[in-house]
Amino acid sequence: MAKFTKKAIMDCFLNMLKRKNIDRVTVTDICEECGIN
Protein backbone atom coordinates (compact mmCIF):
# COMPACT_ATOMS: atom_id res chain seq x y z
CA MET A 1 0.00 0.00 0.00
CA ALA A 2 1.39 3.38 -0.97
CA LYS A 3 2.26 5.93 1.71
CA PHE A 4 -0.25 8.32 0.15
CA THR A 5 -3.07 5.79 0.52
CA LYS A 6 -2.14 4.99 4.12
CA LYS A 7 -2.09 8.70 4.96
CA ALA A 8 -5.46 9.26 3.25
CA ILE A 9 -7.03 6.39 5.19
CA MET A 10 -5.62 7.65 8.49
CA ASP A 11 -6.74 11.22 7.82
CA CYS A 12 -10.25 10.07 6.91
CA PHE A 13 -10.41 7.87 10.00
CA LEU A 14 -9.33 10.68 12.31
CA ASN A 15 -11.85 13.06 10.74
CA MET A 16 -14.62 10.50 11.17
CA LEU A 17 -13.77 10.15 14.86
CA LYS A 18 -14.72 13.80 15.29
CA ARG A 19 -18.26 12.93 14.14
CA LYS A 20 -18.75 9.32 15.25
CA ASN A 21 -17.82 7.08 18.15
CA ILE A 22 -15.01 4.68 17.32
CA ASP A 23 -17.34 1.69 17.72
CA ARG A 24 -19.57 3.08 14.93
CA VAL A 25 -16.82 3.65 12.33
CA THR A 26 -16.64 0.88 9.73
CA VAL A 27 -14.09 0.10 7.04
CA THR A 28 -16.81 0.83 4.48
CA ASP A 29 -17.37 4.27 6.01
CA ILE A 30 -13.67 5.07 5.79
CA CYS A 31 -13.39 3.87 2.19
CA GLU A 32 -16.43 5.87 1.11
CA GLU A 33 -15.13 8.98 2.86
CA CYS A 34 -11.72 8.63 1.18
CA GLY A 35 -13.10 7.62 -2.18
CA ILE A 36 -11.05 4.43 -2.34
CA ASN A 37 -12.01 0.83 -3.08
C-alpha atoms as a PDB file:
ATOM      1  CA  MET A   1       0.000   0.000   0.000  1.00  0.00           C
ATOM      2  CA  ALA A   2       1.390   3.385  -0.968  1.00  0.00           C
ATOM      3  CA  LYS A   3       2.263   5.926   1.707  1.00  0.00           C
ATOM      4  CA  PHE A   4      -0.249   8.323   0.147  1.00  0.00           C
ATOM      5  CA  THR A   5      -3.067   5.792   0.519  1.00  0.00           C
ATOM      6  CA  LYS A   6      -2.136   4.988   4.116  1.00  0.00           C
ATOM      7  CA  LYS A   7      -2.095   8.704   4.956  1.00  0.00           C
ATOM      8  CA  ALA A   8      -5.457   9.260   3.250  1.00  0.00           C
ATOM      9  CA  ILE A   9      -7.033   6.391   5.194  1.00  0.00           C
ATOM     10  CA  MET A  10      -5.621   7.648   8.492  1.00  0.00           C
ATOM     11  CA  ASP A  11      -6.740  11.219   7.823  1.00  0.00           C
ATOM     12  CA  CYS A  12     -10.255  10.074   6.915  1.00  0.00           C
ATOM     13  CA  PHE A  13     -10.411   7.868   9.997  1.00  0.00           C
ATOM     14  CA  LEU A  14      -9.333  10.677  12.308  1.00  0.00           C
ATOM     15  CA  ASN A  15     -11.851  13.064  10.736  1.00  0.00           C
ATOM     16  CA  MET A  16     -14.622  10.504  11.172  1.00  0.00           C
ATOM     17  CA  LEU A  17     -13.766  10.148  14.859  1.00  0.00           C
ATOM     18  CA  LYS A  18     -14.721  13.798  15.286  1.00  0.00           C
ATOM     19  CA  ARG A  19     -18.257  12.930  14.143  1.00  0.00           C
ATOM     20  CA  LYS A  20     -18.755   9.317  15.250  1.00  0.00           C
ATOM     21  CA  ASN A  21     -17.820   7.080  18.146  1.00  0.00           C
ATOM     22  CA  ILE A  22     -15.011   4.680  17.317  1.00  0.00           C
ATOM     23  CA  ASP A  23     -17.341   1.687  17.721  1.00  0.00           C
ATOM     24  CA  ARG A  24     -19.566   3.080  14.934  1.00  0.00           C
ATOM     25  CA  VAL A  25     -16.824   3.652  12.332  1.00  0.00           C
ATOM     26  CA  THR A  26     -16.637   0.885   9.730  1.00  0.00           C
ATOM     27  CA  VAL A  27     -14.088   0.100   7.039  1.00  0.00           C
ATOM     28  CA  THR A  28     -16.809   0.825   4.478  1.00  0.00           C
ATOM     29  CA  ASP A  29     -17.373   4.274   6.013  1.00  0.00           C
ATOM     30  CA  ILE A  30     -13.671   5.072   5.786  1.00  0.00           C
ATOM     31  CA  CYS A  31     -13.392   3.866   2.185  1.00  0.00           C
ATOM     32  CA  GLU A  32     -16.432   5.872   1.107  1.00  0.00           C
ATOM     33  CA  GLU A  33     -15.133   8.983   2.862  1.00  0.00           C
ATOM     34  CA  CYS A  34     -11.721   8.634   1.181  1.00  0.00           C
ATOM     35  CA  GLY A  35     -13.105   7.622  -2.185  1.00  0.00           C
ATOM     36  CA  ILE A  36     -11.053   4.432  -2.339  1.00  0.00           C
ATOM     37  CA  ASN A  37     -12.011   0.827  -3.076  1.00  0.00           C
END
